[in-house]
Amino acid sequence: MTDKTLPPAEPAEDLKDVVIDGVKDAADRVSTAIDEGRKPGRPLDILAKVTRDAPLGALLVAFLFGAAMARRRHW
């Protein structure tokens, strides 16, 4: 046996702060990615334009895509 001791456990407040910082960092990254995608000519900008031009067509495509994914998961 060795004389290794475990490090003291972090208090719950420190752990909570680490988790909160991680969530905030992840939210900032997602927000930045969405903002980049909305720039002219980027995928989210194109999707928004298509949706504004043909909302029923976009709804149909989304429905068919969802139905295909649901059917694929079922099998």
PDB file of N, CA and C in Angstrom:
ATOM      1  N   MET A   1       0.829  -1.172   0.000  1.00  0.00           N
ATOM      2  CA  MET A   1       0.000   0.000   0.000  1.00  0.00           C
ATOM      3  C   MET A   1       0.877   1.240   0.000  1.00  0.00           C
ATOM      4  N   THR A   2       0.391   2.283  -0.599  1.00  0.00           N
ATOM      5  CA  THR A   2       1.125   3.541  -0.634  1.00  0.00           C
ATOM      6  C   THR A   2       0.470   4.554   0.283  1.00  0.00           C
ATOM      7  N   ASP A   3       1.198   5.593   0.574  1.00  0.00           N
ATOM      8  CA  ASP A   3       0.688   6.649   1.449  1.00  0.00           C
ATOM      9  C   ASP A   3       0.072   7.794   0.658  1.00  0.00           C
ATOM     10  N   LYS A   4      -0.578   7.480  -0.410  1.00  0.00           N
ATOM     11  CA  LYS A   4      -1.221   8.517  -1.214  1.00  0.00           C
ATOM     12  C   LYS A   4      -2.515   8.936  -0.531  1.00  0.00           C
ATOM     13  N   THR A   5      -2.706  10.237  -0.446  1.00  0.00           N
ATOM     14  CA  THR A   5      -3.954  10.738   0.122  1.00  0.00           C
ATOM     15  C   THR A   5      -4.737  11.423  -0.977  1.00  0.00           C
ATOM     16  N   LEU A   6      -6.007  11.377  -0.853  1.00  0.00           N
ATOM     17  CA  LEU A   6      -6.875  12.017  -1.835  1.00  0.00           C
ATOM     18  C   LEU A   6      -6.871  13.519  -1.610  1.00  0.00           C
ATOM     19  N   PRO A   7      -6.939  14.307  -2.697  1.00  0.00           N
ATOM     20  CA  PRO A   7      -7.009  15.745  -2.516  1.00  0.00           C
ATOM     21  C   PRO A   7      -8.329  16.118  -1.858  1.00  0.00           C
ATOM     22  N   PRO A   8      -8.334  17.230  -1.136  1.00  0.00           N
ATOM     23  CA  PRO A   8      -9.593  17.611  -0.486  1.00  0.00           C
ATOM     24  C   PRO A   8     -10.671  17.892  -1.524  1.00  0.00           C
ATOM     25  N   ALA A   9     -11.867  17.512  -1.191  1.00  0.00           N
ATOM     26  CA  ALA A   9     -12.992  17.721  -2.107  1.00  0.00           C
ATOM     27  C   ALA A   9     -13.273  19.208  -2.244  1.00  0.00           C
ATOM     28  N   GLU A  10     -13.625  19.617  -3.464  1.00  0.00           N
ATOM     29  CA  GLU A  10     -13.958  21.018  -3.692  1.00  0.00           C
ATOM     30  C   GLU A  10     -15.305  21.321  -3.047  1.00  0.00           C
ATOM     31  N   PRO A  11     -15.403  22.477  -2.447  1.00  0.00           N
ATOM     32  CA  PRO A  11     -16.710  22.843  -1.892  1.00  0.00           C
ATOM     33  C   PRO A  11     -17.750  22.951  -3.004  1.00  0.00           C
ATOM     34  N   ALA A  12     -18.984  22.763  -2.636  1.00  0.00           N
ATOM     35  CA  ALA A  12     -20.076  22.782  -3.623  1.00  0.00           C
ATOM     36  C   ALA A  12     -20.152  24.124  -4.337  1.00  0.00           C
ATOM     37  N   GLU A  13     -19.842  25.215  -3.669  1.00  0.00           N
ATOM     38  CA  GLU A  13     -19.901  26.537  -4.295  1.00  0.00           C
ATOM     39  C   GLU A  13     -18.878  26.653  -5.414  1.00  0.00           C
ATOM     40  N   ASP A  14     -17.664  26.132  -5.198  1.00  0.00           N
ATOM     41  CA  ASP A  14     -16.637  26.182  -6.237  1.00  0.00           C
ATOM     42  C   ASP A  14     -17.058  25.355  -7.446  1.00  0.00           C
ATOM     43  N   LEU A  15     -17.616  24.189  -7.188  1.00  0.00           N
ATOM     44  CA  LEU A  15     -18.072  23.325  -8.275  1.00  0.00           C
ATOM     45  C   LEU A  15     -19.206  23.985  -9.049  1.00  0.00           C
ATOM     46  N   LYS A  16     -20.122  24.630  -8.321  1.00  0.00           N
ATOM     47  CA  LYS A  16     -21.233  25.330  -8.963  1.00  0.00           C
ATOM     48  C   LYS A  16     -20.711  26.448  -9.859  1.00  0.00           C
ATOM     49  N   ASP A  17     -19.714  27.187  -9.389  1.00  0.00           N
ATOM     50  CA  ASP A  17     -19.134  28.270 -10.188  1.00  0.00           C
ATOM     51  C   ASP A  17     -18.481  27.738 -11.463  1.00  0.00           C
ATOM     52  N   VAL A  18     -17.810  26.605 -11.345  1.00  0.00           N
ATOM     53  CA  VAL A  18     -17.171  25.996 -12.521  1.00  0.00           C
ATOM     54  C   VAL A  18     -18.226  25.589 -13.541  1.00  0.00           C
ATOM     55  N   VAL A  19     -19.312  24.992 -13.082  1.00  0.00           N
ATOM     56  CA  VAL A  19     -20.386  24.560 -13.984  1.00  0.00           C
ATOM     57  C   VAL A  19     -21.049  25.770 -14.640  1.00  0.00           C
ATOM     58  N   ILE A  20     -21.314  26.807 -13.856  1.00  0.00           N
ATOM     59  CA  ILE A  20     -21.947  28.011 -14.408  1.00  0.00           C
ATOM     60  C   ILE A  20     -21.052  28.655 -15.453  1.00  0.00           C
ATOM     61  N   ASP A  21     -19.749  28.733 -15.175  1.00  0.00           N
ATOM     62  CA  ASP A  21     -18.820  29.299 -16.158  1.00  0.00           C
ATOM     63  C   ASP A  21     -18.786  28.465 -17.436  1.00  0.00           C
ATOM     64  N   GLY A  22     -18.849  27.150 -17.293  1.00  0.00           N
ATOM     65  CA  GLY A  22     -18.853  26.271 -18.469  1.00  0.00           C
ATOM     66  C   GLY A  22     -20.094  26.457 -19.319  1.00  0.00           C
ATOM     67  N   VAL A  23     -21.246  26.582 -18.663  1.00  0.00           N
ATOM     68  CA  VAL A  23     -22.501  26.788 -19.395  1.00  0.00           C
ATOM     69  C   VAL A  23     -22.490  28.139 -20.099  1.00  0.00           C
ATOM     70  N   LYS A  24     -21.999  29.171 -19.412  1.00  0.00           N
ATOM     71  CA  LYS A  24     -21.928  30.501 -20.036  1.00  0.00           C
ATOM     72  C   LYS A  24     -20.991  30.495 -21.231  1.00  0.00           C
ATOM     73  N   ASP A  25     -19.861  29.803 -21.104  1.00  0.00           N
ATOM     74  CA  ASP A  25     -18.910  29.712 -22.212  1.00  0.00           C
ATOM     75  C   ASP A  25     -19.532  28.989 -23.398  1.00  0.00           C
ATOM     76  N   ALA A  26     -20.237  27.901 -23.136  1.00  0.00           N
ATOM     77  CA  ALA A  26     -20.893  27.157 -24.217  1.00  0.00           C
ATOM     78  C   ALA A  26     -21.966  28.010 -24.890  1.00  0.00           C
ATOM     79  N   ALA A  27     -22.742  28.747 -24.100  1.00  0.00           N
ATOM     80  CA  ALA A  27     -23.781  29.613 -24.667  1.00  0.00           C
ATOM     81  C   ALA A  27     -23.166  30.714 -25.527  1.00  0.00           C
ATOM     82  N   ASP A  28     -22.048  31.264 -25.082  1.00  0.00           N
ATOM     83  CA  ASP A  28     -21.368  32.293 -25.879  1.00  0.00           C
ATOM     84  C   ASP A  28     -20.872  31.727 -27.201  1.00  0.00           C
ATOM     85  N   ARG A  29     -20.337  30.517 -27.172  1.00  0.00           N
ATOM     86  CA  ARG A  29     -19.841  29.892 -28.407  1.00  0.00           C
ATOM     87  C   ARG A  29     -20.983  29.625 -29.388  1.00  0.00           C
ATOM     88  N   VAL A  30     -22.104  29.132 -28.875  1.00  0.00           N
ATOM     89  CA  VAL A  30     -23.260  28.869 -29.737  1.00  0.00           C
ATOM     90  C   VAL A  30     -23.785  30.173 -30.319  1.00  0.00           C
ATOM     91  N   SER A  31     -23.866  31.200 -29.492  1.00  0.00           N
ATOM     92  CA  SER A  31     -24.337  32.506 -29.951  1.00  0.00           C
ATOM     93  C   SER A  31     -23.432  33.066 -31.040  1.00  0.00           C
ATOM     94  N   THR A  32     -22.130  32.935 -30.851  1.00  0.00           N
ATOM     95  CA  THR A  32     -21.170  33.405 -31.850  1.00  0.00           C
ATOM     96  C   THR A  32     -21.323  32.623 -33.152  1.00  0.00           C
ATOM     97  N   ALA A  33     -21.502  31.317 -33.061  1.00  0.00           N
ATOM     98  CA  ALA A  33     -21.666  30.493 -34.263  1.00  0.00           C
ATOM     99  C   ALA A  33     -22.940  30.874 -35.012  1.00  0.00           C
ATOM    100  N   ILE A  34     -24.013  31.150 -34.285  1.00  0.00           N
ATOM    101  CA  ILE A  34     -25.267  31.553 -34.924  1.00  0.00           C
ATOM    102  C   ILE A  34     -25.101  32.905 -35.601  1.00  0.00           C
ATOM    103  N   ASP A  35     -24.435  33.839 -34.909  1.00  0.00           N
ATOM    104  CA  ASP A  35     -24.198  35.157 -35.504  1.00  0.00           C
ATOM    105  C   ASP A  35     -23.354  35.053 -36.775  1.00  0.00           C
ATOM    106  N   GLU A  36     -22.351  34.186 -36.764  1.00  0.00           N
ATOM    107  CA  GLU A  36     -21.522  33.982 -37.963  1.00  0.00           C
ATOM    108  C   GLU A  36     -22.355  33.373 -39.090  1.00  0.00           C
ATOM    109  N   GLY A  37     -23.245  32.457 -38.750  1.00  0.00           N
ATOM    110  CA  GLY A  37     -24.076  31.808 -39.759  1.00  0.00           C
ATOM    111  C   GLY A  37     -25.120  32.721 -40.363  1.00  0.00           C
ATOM    112  N   ARG A  38     -25.444  33.810 -39.671  1.00  0.00           N
ATOM    113  CA  ARG A  38     -26.456  34.747 -40.163  1.00  0.00           C
ATOM    114  C   ARG A  38     -25.881  35.828 -41.070  1.00  0.00           C
ATOM    115  N   LYS A  39     -24.579  35.871 -41.227  1.00  0.00           N
ATOM    116  CA  LYS A  39     -23.973  36.874 -42.108  1.00  0.00           C
ATOM    117  C   LYS A  39     -24.421  36.611 -43.541  1.00  0.00           C
ATOM    118  N   PRO A  40     -24.479  37.662 -44.367  1.00  0.00           N
ATOM    119  CA  PRO A  40     -24.949  37.490 -45.754  1.00  0.00           C
ATOM    120  C   PRO A  40     -24.188  36.401 -46.509  1.00  0.00           C
ATOM    121  N   GLY A  41     -24.955  35.545 -47.145  1.00  0.00           N
ATOM    122  CA  GLY A  41     -24.380  34.465 -47.936  1.00  0.00           C
ATOM    123  C   GLY A  41     -24.086  33.202 -47.155  1.00  0.00           C
ATOM    124  N   ARG A  42     -24.235  33.235 -45.856  1.00  0.00           N
ATOM    125  CA  ARG A  42     -23.968  32.064 -45.019  1.00  0.00           C
ATOM    126  C   ARG A  42     -25.238  31.208 -44.936  1.00  0.00           C
ATOM    127  N   PRO A  43     -25.105  29.957 -44.478  1.00  0.00           N
ATOM    128  CA  PRO A  43     -26.247  29.038 -44.493  1.00  0.00           C
ATOM    129  C   PRO A  43     -27.503  29.525 -43.770  1.00  0.00           C
ATOM    130  N   LEU A  44     -27.370  30.106 -42.586  1.00  0.00           N
ATOM    131  CA  LEU A  44     -28.579  30.549 -41.877  1.00  0.00           C
ATOM    132  C   LEU A  44     -29.250  31.722 -42.575  1.00  0.00           C
ATOM    133  N   ASP A  45     -28.456  32.574 -43.218  1.00  0.00           N
ATOM    134  CA  ASP A  45     -29.026  33.683 -43.983  1.00  0.00           C
ATOM    135  C   ASP A  45     -29.808  33.149 -45.182  1.00  0.00           C
ATOM    136  N   ILE A  46     -29.235  32.191 -45.870  1.00  0.00           N
ATOM    137  CA  ILE A  46     -29.906  31.587 -47.034  1.00  0.00           C
ATOM    138  C   ILE A  46     -31.190  30.883 -46.593  1.00  0.00           C
ATOM    139  N   LEU A  47     -31.123  30.146 -45.498  1.00  0.00           N
ATOM    140  CA  LEU A  47     -32.307  29.455 -44.986  1.00  0.00           C
ATOM    141  C   LEU A  47     -33.401  30.440 -44.602  1.00  0.00           C
ATOM    142  N   ALA A  48     -33.030  31.545 -43.974  1.00  0.00           N
ATOM    143  CA  ALA A  48     -34.014  32.561 -43.593  1.00  0.00           C
ATOM    144  C   ALA A  48     -34.677  33.170 -44.826  1.00  0.00           C
ATOM    145  N   LYS A  49     -33.886  33.439 -45.860  1.00  0.00           N
ATOM    146  CA  LYS A  49     -34.440  34.014 -47.092  1.00  0.00           C
ATOM    147  C   LYS A  49     -35.398  33.036 -47.770  1.00  0.00           C
ATOM    148  N   VAL A  50     -35.014  31.783 -47.837  1.00  0.00           N
ATOM    149  CA  VAL A  50     -35.863  30.773 -48.465  1.00  0.00           C
ATOM    150  C   VAL A  50     -37.162  30.632 -47.686  1.00  0.00           C
ATOM    151  N   THR A  51     -37.069  30.663 -46.371  1.00  0.00           N
ATOM    152  CA  THR A  51     -38.254  30.525 -45.537  1.00  0.00           C
ATOM    153  C   THR A  51     -39.192  31.716 -45.714  1.00  0.00           C
ATOM    154  N   ARG A  52     -38.628  32.919 -45.826  1.00  0.00           N
ATOM    155  CA  ARG A  52     -39.460  34.097 -46.049  1.00  0.00           C
ATOM    156  C   ARG A  52     -40.120  34.058 -47.426  1.00  0.00           C
ATOM    157  N   ASP A  53     -39.400  33.571 -48.420  1.00  0.00           N
ATOM    158  CA  ASP A  53     -39.930  33.529 -49.786  1.00  0.00           C
ATOM    159  C   ASP A  53     -40.990  32.451 -49.962  1.00  0.00           C
ATOM    160  N   ALA A  54     -40.793  31.313 -49.349  1.00  0.00           N
ATOM    161  CA  ALA A  54     -41.718  30.190 -49.543  1.00  0.00           C
ATOM    162  C   ALA A  54     -41.956  29.479 -48.217  1.00  0.00           C
ATOM    163  N   PRO A  55     -42.735  30.074 -47.305  1.00  0.00           N
ATOM    164  CA  PRO A  55     -42.916  29.440 -45.989  1.00  0.00           C
ATOM    165  C   PRO A  55     -43.592  28.076 -46.057  1.00  0.00           C
ATOM    166  N   LEU A  56     -44.560  27.900 -46.956  1.00  0.00           N
ATOM    167  CA  LEU A  56     -45.211  26.589 -47.025  1.00  0.00           C
ATOM    168  C   LEU A  56     -44.285  25.536 -47.612  1.00  0.00           C
ATOM    169  N   GLY A  57     -43.478  25.937 -48.576  1.00  0.00           N
ATOM    170  CA  GLY A  57     -42.508  24.998 -49.144  1.00  0.00           C
ATOM    171  C   GLY A  57     -41.477  24.582 -48.112  1.00  0.00           C
ATOM    172  N   ALA A  58     -41.015  25.555 -47.309  1.00  0.00           N
ATOM    173  CA  ALA A  58     -40.051  25.240 -46.259  1.00  0.00           C
ATOM    174  C   ALA A  58     -40.686  24.333 -45.216  1.00  0.00           C
ATOM    175  N   LEU A  59     -41.935  24.575 -44.894  1.00  0.00           N
ATOM    176  CA  LEU A  59     -42.639  23.729 -43.936  1.00  0.00           C
ATOM    177  C   LEU A  59     -42.779  22.310 -44.473  1.00  0.00           C
ATOM    178  N   LEU A  60     -43.087  22.181 -45.744  1.00  0.00           N
ATOM    179  CA  LEU A  60     -43.203  20.857 -46.360  1.00  0.00           C
ATOM    180  C   LEU A  60     -41.872  20.115 -46.316  1.00  0.00           C
ATOM    181  N   VAL A  61     -40.795  20.810 -46.654  1.00  0.00           N
ATOM    182  CA  VAL A  61     -39.475  20.174 -46.623  1.00  0.00           C
ATOM    183  C   VAL A  61     -39.129  19.750 -45.200  1.00  0.00           C
ATOM    184  N   ALA A  62     -39.391  20.607 -44.218  1.00  0.00           N
ATOM    185  CA  ALA A  62     -39.107  20.263 -42.828  1.00  0.00           C
ATOM    186  C   ALA A  62     -39.939  19.062 -42.379  1.00  0.00           C
ATOM    187  N   PHE A  63     -41.196  19.022 -42.784  1.00  0.00           N
ATOM    188  CA  PHE A  63     -42.053  17.895 -42.422  1.00  0.00           C
ATOM    189  C   PHE A  63     -41.544  16.599 -43.043  1.00  0.00           C
ATOM    190  N   LEU A  64     -41.199  16.641 -44.322  1.00  0.00           N
ATOM    191  CA  LEU A  64     -40.707  15.435 -44.984  1.00  0.00           C
ATOM    192  C   LEU A  64     -39.388  14.965 -44.377  1.00  0.00           C
ATOM    193  N   PHE A  65     -38.520  15.923 -44.052  1.00  0.00           N
ATOM    194  CA  PHE A  65     -37.252  15.562 -43.417  1.00  0.00           C
ATOM    195  C   PHE A  65     -37.497  14.916 -42.057  1.00  0.00           C
ATOM    196  N   GLY A  66     -38.387  15.501 -41.268  1.00  0.00           N
ATOM    197  CA  GLY A  66     -38.713  14.933 -39.960  1.00  0.00           C
ATOM    198  C   GLY A  66     -39.341  13.553 -40.076  1.00  0.00           C
ATOM    199  N   ALA A  67     -40.232  13.387 -41.057  1.00  0.00           N
ATOM    200  CA  ALA A  67     -40.866  12.080 -41.253  1.00  0.00           C
ATOM    201  C   ALA A  67     -39.827  11.037 -41.663  1.00  0.00           C
ATOM    202  N   ALA A  68     -38.900  11.425 -42.527  1.00  0.00           N
ATOM    203  CA  ALA A  68     -37.854  10.495 -42.955  1.00  0.00           C
ATOM    204  C   ALA A  68     -36.957  10.107 -41.778  1.00  0.00           C
ATOM    205  N   MET A  69     -36.617  11.076 -40.936  1.00  0.00           N
ATOM    206  CA  MET A  69     -35.765  10.775 -39.785  1.00  0.00           C
ATOM    207  C   MET A  69     -36.506   9.882 -38.780  1.00  0.00           C
ATOM    208  N   ALA A  70     -37.781  10.147 -38.560  1.00  0.00           N
ATOM    209  CA  ALA A  70     -38.562   9.331 -37.627  1.00  0.00           C
ATOM    210  C   ALA A  70     -38.691   7.906 -38.149  1.00  0.00           C
ATOM    211  N   ARG A  71     -38.921   7.774 -39.439  1.00  0.00           N
ATOM    212  CA  ARG A  71     -39.050   6.433 -40.014  1.00  0.00           C
ATOM    213  C   ARG A  71     -37.726   5.677 -39.933  1.00  0.00           C
ATOM    214  N   ARG A  72     -36.618   6.407 -40.182  1.00  0.00           N
ATOM    215  CA  ARG A  72     -35.309   5.774 -40.142  1.00  0.00           C
ATOM    216  C   ARG A  72     -34.977   5.302 -38.729  1.00  0.00           C
ATOM    217  N   ARG A  73     -35.343   6.062 -37.717  1.00  0.00           N
ATOM    218  CA  ARG A  73     -35.075   5.679 -36.332  1.00  0.00           C
ATOM    219  C   ARG A  73     -35.961   4.521 -35.908  1.00  0.00           C
ATOM    220  N   HIS A  74     -37.151   4.460 -36.491  1.00  0.00           N
ATOM    221  CA  HIS A  74     -38.081   3.389 -36.139  1.00  0.00           C
ATOM    222  C   HIS A  74     -37.532   2.046 -36.563  1.00  0.00           C
ATOM    223  N   TRP A  75     -36.908   1.993 -37.708  1.00  0.00           N
ATOM    224  CA  TRP A  75     -36.380   0.721 -38.218  1.00  0.00           C
ATOM    225  C   TRP A  75     -35.099   0.466 -37.558  1.00  0.00           C
TER     226      TRP A  75
END
